[in-house]
């Protein structure tokens, strides 16, 4: 899955907002049995791996000057829901702005 979500901040500020959003989401993730297996930052690139419903999602999120660029490997059957997943992520980004 590859898509972009625009942000309306500087690259630095968008990174701060994303890190804050991840921090605030951790307790909710734990309550919903979502495991964060990897969260590694290299500059403006987040390498991530999460396990949800026993399935792992891995990928990267790159912050550029105008967009969050998401590349993720979804479990086979979840690929049917790529559009919904993209819309949900885009809605979450809007709440950060």
PDB file of N, CA and C in Angstrom:
ATOM      1  N   UNK A   1       0.859  -1.153   0.000  1.00  0.00           N
ATOM      2  CA  UNK A   1       0.000   0.000   0.000  1.00  0.00           C
ATOM      3  C   UNK A   1       0.910   1.223   0.000  1.00  0.00           C
ATOM      4  N   UNK A   2       0.653   2.149  -0.895  1.00  0.00           N
ATOM      5  CA  UNK A   2       1.431   3.382  -0.985  1.00  0.00           C
ATOM      6  C   UNK A   2       0.458   4.538  -1.180  1.00  0.00           C
ATOM      7  N   UNK A   3       0.559   5.554  -0.329  1.00  0.00           N
ATOM      8  CA  UNK A   3      -0.269   6.743  -0.517  1.00  0.00           C
ATOM      9  C   UNK A   3       0.337   7.928   0.218  1.00  0.00           C
ATOM     10  N   UNK A   4      -0.157   9.109  -0.128  1.00  0.00           N
ATOM     11  CA  UNK A   4       0.283  10.357   0.487  1.00  0.00           C
ATOM     12  C   UNK A   4      -0.896  11.030   1.165  1.00  0.00           C
ATOM     13  N   UNK A   5      -0.601  11.678   2.286  1.00  0.00           N
ATOM     14  CA  UNK A   5      -1.598  12.490   2.980  1.00  0.00           C
ATOM     15  C   UNK A   5      -0.960  13.859   3.201  1.00  0.00           C
ATOM     16  N   UNK A   6      -1.567  14.926   2.676  1.00  0.00           N
ATOM     17  CA  UNK A   6      -0.968  16.250   2.852  1.00  0.00           C
ATOM     18  C   UNK A   6      -1.043  16.728   4.305  1.00  0.00           C
ATOM     19  N   UNK A   7      -0.029  17.464   4.707  1.00  0.00           N
ATOM     20  CA  UNK A   7      -0.067  18.139   6.009  1.00  0.00           C
ATOM     21  C   UNK A   7       0.112  19.635   5.745  1.00  0.00           C
ATOM     22  N   UNK A   8      -0.310  20.437   6.692  1.00  0.00           N
ATOM     23  CA  UNK A   8      -0.262  21.893   6.504  1.00  0.00           C
ATOM     24  C   UNK A   8       0.724  22.532   7.477  1.00  0.00           C
ATOM     25  N   UNK A   9       1.845  21.876   7.656  1.00  0.00           N
ATOM     26  CA  UNK A   9       2.850  22.361   8.597  1.00  0.00           C
ATOM     27  C   UNK A   9       4.214  22.326   7.931  1.00  0.00           C
ATOM     28  N   UNK A  10       5.190  22.832   8.654  1.00  0.00           N
ATOM     29  CA  UNK A  10       6.564  22.613   8.211  1.00  0.00           C
ATOM     30  C   UNK A  10       6.894  21.145   8.446  1.00  0.00           C
ATOM     31  N   UNK A  11       7.940  20.688   7.815  1.00  0.00           N
ATOM     32  CA  UNK A  11       8.369  19.297   7.999  1.00  0.00           C
ATOM     33  C   UNK A  11       8.650  19.029   9.482  1.00  0.00           C
ATOM     34  N   UNK A  12       9.339  19.972  10.140  1.00  0.00           N
ATOM     35  CA  UNK A  12       9.680  19.817  11.552  1.00  0.00           C
ATOM     36  C   UNK A  12       8.427  19.735  12.416  1.00  0.00           C
ATOM     37  N   UNK A  13       7.507  20.672  12.208  1.00  0.00           N
ATOM     38  CA  UNK A  13       6.274  20.703  13.018  1.00  0.00           C
ATOM     39  C   UNK A  13       5.411  19.479  12.748  1.00  0.00           C
ATOM     40  N   UNK A  14       5.328  19.034  11.506  1.00  0.00           N
ATOM     41  CA  UNK A  14       4.557  17.826  11.184  1.00  0.00           C
ATOM     42  C   UNK A  14       5.133  16.622  11.922  1.00  0.00           C
ATOM     43  N   UNK A  15       6.458  16.559  12.015  1.00  0.00           N
ATOM     44  CA  UNK A  15       7.104  15.470  12.757  1.00  0.00           C
ATOM     45  C   UNK A  15       6.769  15.516  14.233  1.00  0.00           C
ATOM     46  N   UNK A  16       6.776  16.727  14.806  1.00  0.00           N
ATOM     47  CA  UNK A  16       6.405  16.881  16.217  1.00  0.00           C
ATOM     48  C   UNK A  16       4.973  16.424  16.457  1.00  0.00           C
ATOM     49  N   UNK A  17       4.067  16.851  15.589  1.00  0.00           N
ATOM     50  CA  UNK A  17       2.657  16.487  15.741  1.00  0.00           C
ATOM     51  C   UNK A  17       2.470  14.982  15.625  1.00  0.00           C
ATOM     52  N   UNK A  18       3.184  14.364  14.697  1.00  0.00           N
ATOM     53  CA  UNK A  18       3.072  12.918  14.527  1.00  0.00           C
ATOM     54  C   UNK A  18       3.596  12.183  15.751  1.00  0.00           C
ATOM     55  N   UNK A  19       4.738  12.603  16.256  1.00  0.00           N
ATOM     56  CA  UNK A  19       5.291  11.959  17.458  1.00  0.00           C
ATOM     57  C   UNK A  19       4.335  12.110  18.643  1.00  0.00           C
ATOM     58  N   UNK A  20       3.747  13.296  18.804  1.00  0.00           N
ATOM     59  CA  UNK A  20       2.773  13.512  19.878  1.00  0.00           C
ATOM     60  C   UNK A  20       1.554  12.612  19.701  1.00  0.00           C
ATOM     61  N   UNK A  21       1.067  12.496  18.470  1.00  0.00           N
ATOM     62  CA  UNK A  21      -0.104  11.656  18.202  1.00  0.00           C
ATOM     63  C   UNK A  21       0.190  10.195  18.534  1.00  0.00           C
ATOM     64  N   UNK A  22       1.385   9.734  18.199  1.00  0.00           N
ATOM     65  CA  UNK A  22       1.765   8.348  18.512  1.00  0.00           C
ATOM     66  C   UNK A  22       1.813   8.147  20.020  1.00  0.00           C
ATOM     67  N   UNK A  23       2.393   9.098  20.731  1.00  0.00           N
ATOM     68  CA  UNK A  23       2.473   9.007  22.192  1.00  0.00           C
ATOM     69  C   UNK A  23       1.082   8.918  22.810  1.00  0.00           C
ATOM     70  N   UNK A  24       0.162   9.742  22.334  1.00  0.00           N
ATOM     71  CA  UNK A  24      -1.198   9.742  22.876  1.00  0.00           C
ATOM     72  C   UNK A  24      -1.979   8.496  22.471  1.00  0.00           C
ATOM     73  N   UNK A  25      -1.611   7.864  21.363  1.00  0.00           N
ATOM     74  CA  UNK A  25      -2.330   6.675  20.888  1.00  0.00           C
ATOM     75  C   UNK A  25      -1.880   5.393  21.592  1.00  0.00           C
ATOM     76  N   UNK A  26      -0.718   5.404  22.205  1.00  0.00           N
ATOM     77  CA  UNK A  26      -0.192   4.182  22.828  1.00  0.00           C
ATOM     78  C   UNK A  26      -1.151   3.520  23.822  1.00  0.00           C
ATOM     79  N   UNK A  27      -1.705   4.260  24.790  1.00  0.00           N
ATOM     80  CA  UNK A  27      -2.614   3.601  25.737  1.00  0.00           C
ATOM     81  C   UNK A  27      -3.830   2.976  25.044  1.00  0.00           C
ATOM     82  N   UNK A  28      -4.376   3.660  24.056  1.00  0.00           N
ATOM     83  CA  UNK A  28      -5.529   3.137  23.330  1.00  0.00           C
ATOM     84  C   UNK A  28      -5.140   1.889  22.544  1.00  0.00           C
ATOM     85  N   UNK A  29      -3.956   1.892  21.962  1.00  0.00           N
ATOM     86  CA  UNK A  29      -3.485   0.728  21.210  1.00  0.00           C
ATOM     87  C   UNK A  29      -3.386  -0.478  22.135  1.00  0.00           C
ATOM     88  N   UNK A  30      -2.813  -0.257  23.299  1.00  0.00           N
ATOM     89  CA  UNK A  30      -2.654  -1.349  24.258  1.00  0.00           C
ATOM     90  C   UNK A  30      -4.009  -1.910  24.683  1.00  0.00           C
ATOM     91  N   UNK A  31      -4.977  -1.025  24.931  1.00  0.00           N
ATOM     92  CA  UNK A  31      -6.326  -1.455  25.316  1.00  0.00           C
ATOM     93  C   UNK A  31      -6.990  -2.282  24.228  1.00  0.00           C
ATOM     94  N   UNK A  32      -6.646  -2.022  22.964  1.00  0.00           N
ATOM     95  CA  UNK A  32      -7.257  -2.718  21.831  1.00  0.00           C
ATOM     96  C   UNK A  32      -6.385  -3.849  21.297  1.00  0.00           C
ATOM     97  N   UNK A  33      -5.451  -4.316  22.135  1.00  0.00           N
ATOM     98  CA  UNK A  33      -4.575  -5.439  21.776  1.00  0.00           C
ATOM     99  C   UNK A  33      -3.772  -5.197  20.505  1.00  0.00           C
ATOM    100  N   UNK A  34      -3.337  -3.970  20.317  1.00  0.00           N
ATOM    101  CA  UNK A  34      -2.437  -3.629  19.219  1.00  0.00           C
ATOM    102  C   UNK A  34      -1.039  -3.544  19.824  1.00  0.00           C
ATOM    103  N   UNK A  35      -0.117  -4.289  19.247  1.00  0.00           N
ATOM    104  CA  UNK A  35       1.253  -4.299  19.733  1.00  0.00           C
ATOM    105  C   UNK A  35       2.132  -3.497  18.781  1.00  0.00           C
ATOM    106  N   UNK A  36       2.892  -2.573  19.332  1.00  0.00           N
ATOM    107  CA  UNK A  36       3.854  -1.825  18.528  1.00  0.00           C
ATOM    108  C   UNK A  36       5.169  -2.588  18.611  1.00  0.00           C
ATOM    109  N   UNK A  37       5.513  -3.271  17.523  1.00  0.00           N
ATOM    110  CA  UNK A  37       6.703  -4.111  17.490  1.00  0.00           C
ATOM    111  C   UNK A  37       7.958  -3.324  17.131  1.00  0.00           C
ATOM    112  N   UNK A  38       7.800  -2.280  16.344  1.00  0.00           N
ATOM    113  CA  UNK A  38       8.947  -1.450  15.956  1.00  0.00           C
ATOM    114  C   UNK A  38       8.484  -0.014  15.765  1.00  0.00           C
ATOM    115  N   UNK A  39       9.286   0.901  16.271  1.00  0.00           N
ATOM    116  CA  UNK A  39       9.093   2.338  16.034  1.00  0.00           C
ATOM    117  C   UNK A  39      10.484   2.954  16.044  1.00  0.00           C
ATOM    118  N   UNK A  40      11.052   3.116  14.864  1.00  0.00           N
ATOM    119  CA  UNK A  40      12.425   3.605  14.752  1.00  0.00           C
ATOM    120  C   UNK A  40      12.458   4.792  13.796  1.00  0.00           C
ATOM    121  N   UNK A  41      12.962   5.892  14.303  1.00  0.00           N
ATOM    122  CA  UNK A  41      13.078   7.101  13.496  1.00  0.00           C
ATOM    123  C   UNK A  41      14.488   7.223  12.932  1.00  0.00           C
ATOM    124  N   UNK A  42      14.566   7.535  11.647  1.00  0.00           N
ATOM    125  CA  UNK A  42      15.819   7.898  10.984  1.00  0.00           C
ATOM    126  C   UNK A  42      15.543   9.211  10.265  1.00  0.00           C
ATOM    127  N   UNK A  43      15.898  10.315  10.915  1.00  0.00           N
ATOM    128  CA  UNK A  43      15.582  11.622  10.349  1.00  0.00           C
ATOM    129  C   UNK A  43      14.075  11.804  10.269  1.00  0.00           C
ATOM    130  N   UNK A  44      13.564  12.022   9.064  1.00  0.00           N
ATOM    131  CA  UNK A  44      12.126  12.222   8.865  1.00  0.00           C
ATOM    132  C   UNK A  44      11.412  10.953   8.413  1.00  0.00           C
ATOM    133  N   UNK A  45      12.028   9.808   8.648  1.00  0.00           N
ATOM    134  CA  UNK A  45      11.425   8.532   8.260  1.00  0.00           C
ATOM    135  C   UNK A  45      11.156   7.691   9.495  1.00  0.00           C
ATOM    136  N   UNK A  46       9.918   7.254   9.635  1.00  0.00           N
ATOM    137  CA  UNK A  46       9.523   6.344  10.702  1.00  0.00           C
ATOM    138  C   UNK A  46       9.423   4.942  10.115  1.00  0.00           C
ATOM    139  N   UNK A  47      10.179   4.011  10.670  1.00  0.00           N
ATOM    140  CA  UNK A  47      10.054   2.597  10.324  1.00  0.00           C
ATOM    141  C   UNK A  47       9.161   1.996  11.402  1.00  0.00           C
ATOM    142  N   UNK A  48       8.107   1.304  10.987  1.00  0.00           N
ATOM    143  CA  UNK A  48       7.171   0.788  11.974  1.00  0.00           C
ATOM    144  C   UNK A  48       6.771  -0.652  11.680  1.00  0.00           C
ATOM    145  N   UNK A  49       6.349  -1.314  12.746  1.00  0.00           N
ATOM    146  CA  UNK A  49       5.739  -2.635  12.648  1.00  0.00           C
ATOM    147  C   UNK A  49       4.745  -2.725  13.794  1.00  0.00           C
ATOM    148  N   UNK A  50       3.522  -3.082  13.472  1.00  0.00           N
ATOM    149  CA  UNK A  50       2.496  -3.271  14.497  1.00  0.00           C
ATOM    150  C   UNK A  50       1.805  -4.603  14.247  1.00  0.00           C
ATOM    151  N   UNK A  51       1.297  -5.184  15.316  1.00  0.00           N
ATOM    152  CA  UNK A  51       0.518  -6.408  15.203  1.00  0.00           C
ATOM    153  C   UNK A  51      -0.895  -6.098  15.665  1.00  0.00           C
ATOM    154  N   UNK A  52      -1.844  -6.430  14.811  1.00  0.00           N
ATOM    155  CA  UNK A  52      -3.259  -6.175  15.061  1.00  0.00           C
ATOM    156  C   UNK A  52      -4.026  -7.420  14.659  1.00  0.00           C
ATOM    157  N   UNK A  53      -4.846  -7.927  15.562  1.00  0.00           N
ATOM    158  CA  UNK A  53      -5.620  -9.143  15.301  1.00  0.00           C
ATOM    159  C   UNK A  53      -4.724 -10.291  14.847  1.00  0.00           C
ATOM    160  N   UNK A  54      -3.533 -10.367  15.430  1.00  0.00           N
ATOM    161  CA  UNK A  54      -2.608 -11.441  15.105  1.00  0.00           C
ATOM    162  C   UNK A  54      -1.889 -11.292  13.778  1.00  0.00           C
ATOM    163  N   UNK A  55      -2.096 -10.183  13.097  1.00  0.00           N
ATOM    164  CA  UNK A  55      -1.469  -9.936  11.792  1.00  0.00           C
ATOM    165  C   UNK A  55      -0.524  -8.750  11.907  1.00  0.00           C
ATOM    166  N   UNK A  56       0.632  -8.857  11.267  1.00  0.00           N
ATOM    167  CA  UNK A  56       1.606  -7.773  11.342  1.00  0.00           C
ATOM    168  C   UNK A  56       1.531  -6.867  10.116  1.00  0.00           C
ATOM    169  N   UNK A  57       1.645  -5.578  10.380  1.00  0.00           N
ATOM    170  CA  UNK A  57       1.730  -4.546   9.344  1.00  0.00           C
ATOM    171  C   UNK A  57       3.088  -3.880   9.522  1.00  0.00           C
ATOM    172  N   UNK A  58       3.870  -3.821   8.450  1.00  0.00           N
ATOM    173  CA  UNK A  58       5.181  -3.186   8.499  1.00  0.00           C
ATOM    174  C   UNK A  58       5.259  -2.108   7.434  1.00  0.00           C
ATOM    175  N   UNK A  59       6.132  -1.143   7.655  1.00  0.00           N
ATOM    176  CA  UNK A  59       6.288  -0.125   6.623  1.00  0.00           C
ATOM    177  C   UNK A  59       7.080   1.070   7.086  1.00  0.00           C
ATOM    178  N   UNK A  60       6.964   2.124   6.278  1.00  0.00           N
ATOM    179  CA  UNK A  60       7.623   3.389   6.582  1.00  0.00           C
ATOM    180  C   UNK A  60       6.641   4.532   6.396  1.00  0.00           C
ATOM    181  N   UNK A  61       6.900   5.595   7.120  1.00  0.00           N
ATOM    182  CA  UNK A  61       6.174   6.844   6.954  1.00  0.00           C
ATOM    183  C   UNK A  61       7.235   7.928   6.826  1.00  0.00           C
ATOM    184  N   UNK A  62       7.251   8.592   5.693  1.00  0.00           N
ATOM    185  CA  UNK A  62       8.224   9.651   5.427  1.00  0.00           C
ATOM    186  C   UNK A  62       7.503  10.994   5.495  1.00  0.00           C
ATOM    187  N   UNK A  63       8.117  11.949   6.174  1.00  0.00           N
ATOM    188  CA  UNK A  63       7.572  13.301   6.247  1.00  0.00           C
ATOM    189  C   UNK A  63       8.373  14.165   5.286  1.00  0.00           C
ATOM    190  N   UNK A  64       7.699  14.687   4.253  1.00  0.00           N
ATOM    191  CA  UNK A  64       8.394  15.631   3.375  1.00  0.00           C
ATOM    192  C   UNK A  64       7.794  17.020   3.591  1.00  0.00           C
ATOM    193  N   UNK A  65       8.116  17.965   2.741  1.00  0.00           N
ATOM    194  CA  UNK A  65       7.693  19.350   2.955  1.00  0.00           C
ATOM    195  C   UNK A  65       6.184  19.552   2.925  1.00  0.00           C
ATOM    196  N   UNK A  66       5.454  18.679   2.230  1.00  0.00           N
ATOM    197  CA  UNK A  66       4.010  18.867   2.091  1.00  0.00           C
ATOM    198  C   UNK A  66       3.174  17.657   2.470  1.00  0.00           C
ATOM    199  N   UNK A  67       3.779  16.473   2.521  1.00  0.00           N
ATOM    200  CA  UNK A  67       3.001  15.245   2.686  1.00  0.00           C
ATOM    201  C   UNK A  67       3.615  14.293   3.702  1.00  0.00           C
ATOM    202  N   UNK A  68       2.751  13.428   4.230  1.00  0.00           N
ATOM    203  CA  UNK A  68       3.171  12.199   4.877  1.00  0.00           C
ATOM    204  C   UNK A  68       3.090  11.147   3.773  1.00  0.00           C
ATOM    205  N   UNK A  69       4.150  10.412   3.541  1.00  0.00           N
ATOM    206  CA  UNK A  69       4.172   9.386   2.505  1.00  0.00           C
ATOM    207  C   UNK A  69       4.256   8.034   3.207  1.00  0.00           C
ATOM    208  N   UNK A  70       3.222   7.233   3.029  1.00  0.00           N
ATOM    209  CA  UNK A  70       3.113   5.970   3.742  1.00  0.00           C
ATOM    210  C   UNK A  70       3.275   4.807   2.774  1.00  0.00           C
ATOM    211  N   UNK A  71       4.175   3.919   3.121  1.00  0.00           N
ATOM    212  CA  UNK A  71       4.353   2.655   2.415  1.00  0.00           C
ATOM    213  C   UNK A  71       4.207   1.563   3.459  1.00  0.00           C
ATOM    214  N   UNK A  72       3.240   0.682   3.269  1.00  0.00           N
ATOM    215  CA  UNK A  72       2.999  -0.364   4.252  1.00  0.00           C
ATOM    216  C   UNK A  72       2.688  -1.684   3.565  1.00  0.00           C
ATOM    217  N   UNK A  73       3.127  -2.746   4.204  1.00  0.00           N
ATOM    218  CA  UNK A  73       2.833  -4.088   3.720  1.00  0.00           C
ATOM    219  C   UNK A  73       1.694  -4.629   4.576  1.00  0.00           C
ATOM    220  N   UNK A  74       0.546  -4.822   3.930  1.00  0.00           N
ATOM    221  CA  UNK A  74      -0.638  -5.315   4.622  1.00  0.00           C
ATOM    222  C   UNK A  74      -0.765  -6.822   4.460  1.00  0.00           C
ATOM    223  N   UNK A  75      -1.377  -7.486   5.448  1.00  0.00           N
ATOM    224  CA  UNK A  75      -1.709  -8.898   5.262  1.00  0.00           C
ATOM    225  C   UNK A  75      -2.605  -9.044   4.027  1.00  0.00           C
ATOM    226  N   UNK A  76      -2.514 -10.178   3.371  1.00  0.00           N
ATOM    227  CA  UNK A  76      -3.182 -10.395   2.088  1.00  0.00           C
ATOM    228  C   UNK A  76      -4.662  -9.994   2.094  1.00  0.00           C
ATOM    229  N   UNK A  77      -5.449 -10.507   3.019  1.00  0.00           N
ATOM    230  CA  UNK A  77      -6.890 -10.224   3.014  1.00  0.00           C
ATOM    231  C   UNK A  77      -7.209  -8.769   3.348  1.00  0.00           C
ATOM    232  N   UNK A  78      -6.330  -8.108   4.063  1.00  0.00           N
ATOM    233  CA  UNK A  78      -6.566  -6.715   4.429  1.00  0.00           C
ATOM    234  C   UNK A  78      -6.394  -5.782   3.248  1.00  0.00           C
ATOM    235  N   UNK A  79      -5.774  -6.253   2.191  1.00  0.00           N
ATOM    236  CA  UNK A  79      -5.588  -5.412   1.003  1.00  0.00           C
ATOM    237  C   UNK A  79      -6.923  -5.013   0.388  1.00  0.00           C
ATOM    238  N   UNK A  80      -7.950  -5.798   0.661  1.00  0.00           N
ATOM    239  CA  UNK A  80      -9.291  -5.460   0.181  1.00  0.00           C
ATOM    240  C   UNK A  80      -9.792  -4.157   0.801  1.00  0.00           C
ATOM    241  N   UNK A  81      -9.234  -3.789   1.937  1.00  0.00           N
ATOM    242  CA  UNK A  81      -9.694  -2.616   2.680  1.00  0.00           C
ATOM    243  C   UNK A  81      -8.724  -1.442   2.593  1.00  0.00           C
ATOM    244  N   UNK A  82      -7.814  -1.472   1.620  1.00  0.00           N
ATOM    245  CA  UNK A  82      -6.820  -0.402   1.496  1.00  0.00           C
ATOM    246  C   UNK A  82      -7.451   0.984   1.450  1.00  0.00           C
ATOM    247  N   UNK A  83      -8.492   1.149   0.659  1.00  0.00           N
ATOM    248  CA  UNK A  83      -9.149   2.449   0.537  1.00  0.00           C
ATOM    249  C   UNK A  83      -9.671   2.951   1.864  1.00  0.00           C
ATOM    250  N   UNK A  84     -10.309   2.086   2.619  1.00  0.00           N
ATOM    251  CA  UNK A  84     -10.844   2.477   3.926  1.00  0.00           C
ATOM    252  C   UNK A  84      -9.709   2.814   4.892  1.00  0.00           C
ATOM    253  N   UNK A  85      -8.644   2.038   4.847  1.00  0.00           N
ATOM    254  CA  UNK A  85      -7.495   2.308   5.712  1.00  0.00           C
ATOM    255  C   UNK A  85      -6.891   3.669   5.371  1.00  0.00           C
ATOM    256  N   UNK A  86      -6.735   3.953   4.089  1.00  0.00           N
ATOM    257  CA  UNK A  86      -6.192   5.249   3.659  1.00  0.00           C
ATOM    258  C   UNK A  86      -7.076   6.396   4.135  1.00  0.00           C
ATOM    259  N   UNK A  87      -8.392   6.256   3.979  1.00  0.00           N
ATOM    260  CA  UNK A  87      -9.316   7.321   4.413  1.00  0.00           C
ATOM    261  C   UNK A  87      -9.247   7.529   5.924  1.00  0.00           C
ATOM    262  N   UNK A  88      -9.159   6.446   6.675  1.00  0.00           N
ATOM    263  CA  UNK A  88      -9.090   6.547   8.129  1.00  0.00           C
ATOM    264  C   UNK A  88      -7.821   7.277   8.561  1.00  0.00           C
ATOM    265  N   UNK A  89      -6.703   6.941   7.936  1.00  0.00           N
ATOM    266  CA  UNK A  89      -5.443   7.618   8.263  1.00  0.00           C
ATOM    267  C   UNK A  89      -5.519   9.094   7.883  1.00  0.00           C
ATOM    268  N   UNK A  90      -6.073   9.398   6.718  1.00  0.00           N
ATOM    269  CA  UNK A  90      -6.211  10.797   6.284  1.00  0.00           C
ATOM    270  C   UNK A  90      -7.067  11.587   7.273  1.00  0.00           C
ATOM    271  N   UNK A  91      -8.135  10.979   7.784  1.00  0.00           N
ATOM    272  CA  UNK A  91      -8.986  11.650   8.774  1.00  0.00           C
ATOM    273  C   UNK A  91      -8.210  11.923  10.057  1.00  0.00           C
ATOM    274  N   UNK A  92      -7.382  10.973  10.477  1.00  0.00           N
ATOM    275  CA  UNK A  92      -6.585  11.165  11.687  1.00  0.00           C
ATOM    276  C   UNK A  92      -5.570  12.294  11.509  1.00  0.00           C
ATOM    277  N   UNK A  93      -4.982  12.385  10.323  1.00  0.00           N
ATOM    278  CA  UNK A  93      -4.023  13.464  10.055  1.00  0.00           C
ATOM    279  C   UNK A  93      -4.721  14.816  10.158  1.00  0.00           C
ATOM    280  N   UNK A  94      -5.944  14.906   9.657  1.00  0.00           N
ATOM    281  CA  UNK A  94      -6.685  16.175   9.733  1.00  0.00           C
ATOM    282  C   UNK A  94      -6.886  16.617  11.176  1.00  0.00           C
ATOM    283  N   UNK A  95      -7.082  15.668  12.094  1.00  0.00           N
ATOM    284  CA  UNK A  95      -7.288  16.036  13.495  1.00  0.00           C
ATOM    285  C   UNK A  95      -6.006  16.555  14.139  1.00  0.00           C
ATOM    286  N   UNK A  96      -4.855  16.254  13.542  1.00  0.00           N
ATOM    287  CA  UNK A  96      -3.573  16.729  14.082  1.00  0.00           C
ATOM    288  C   UNK A  96      -3.284  18.166  13.672  1.00  0.00           C
ATOM    289  N   UNK A  97      -3.993  18.700  12.688  1.00  0.00           N
ATOM    290  CA  UNK A  97      -3.654  20.013  12.132  1.00  0.00           C
ATOM    291  C   UNK A  97      -4.342  21.151  12.813  1.00  0.00           C
TER     292      UNK A  97
END
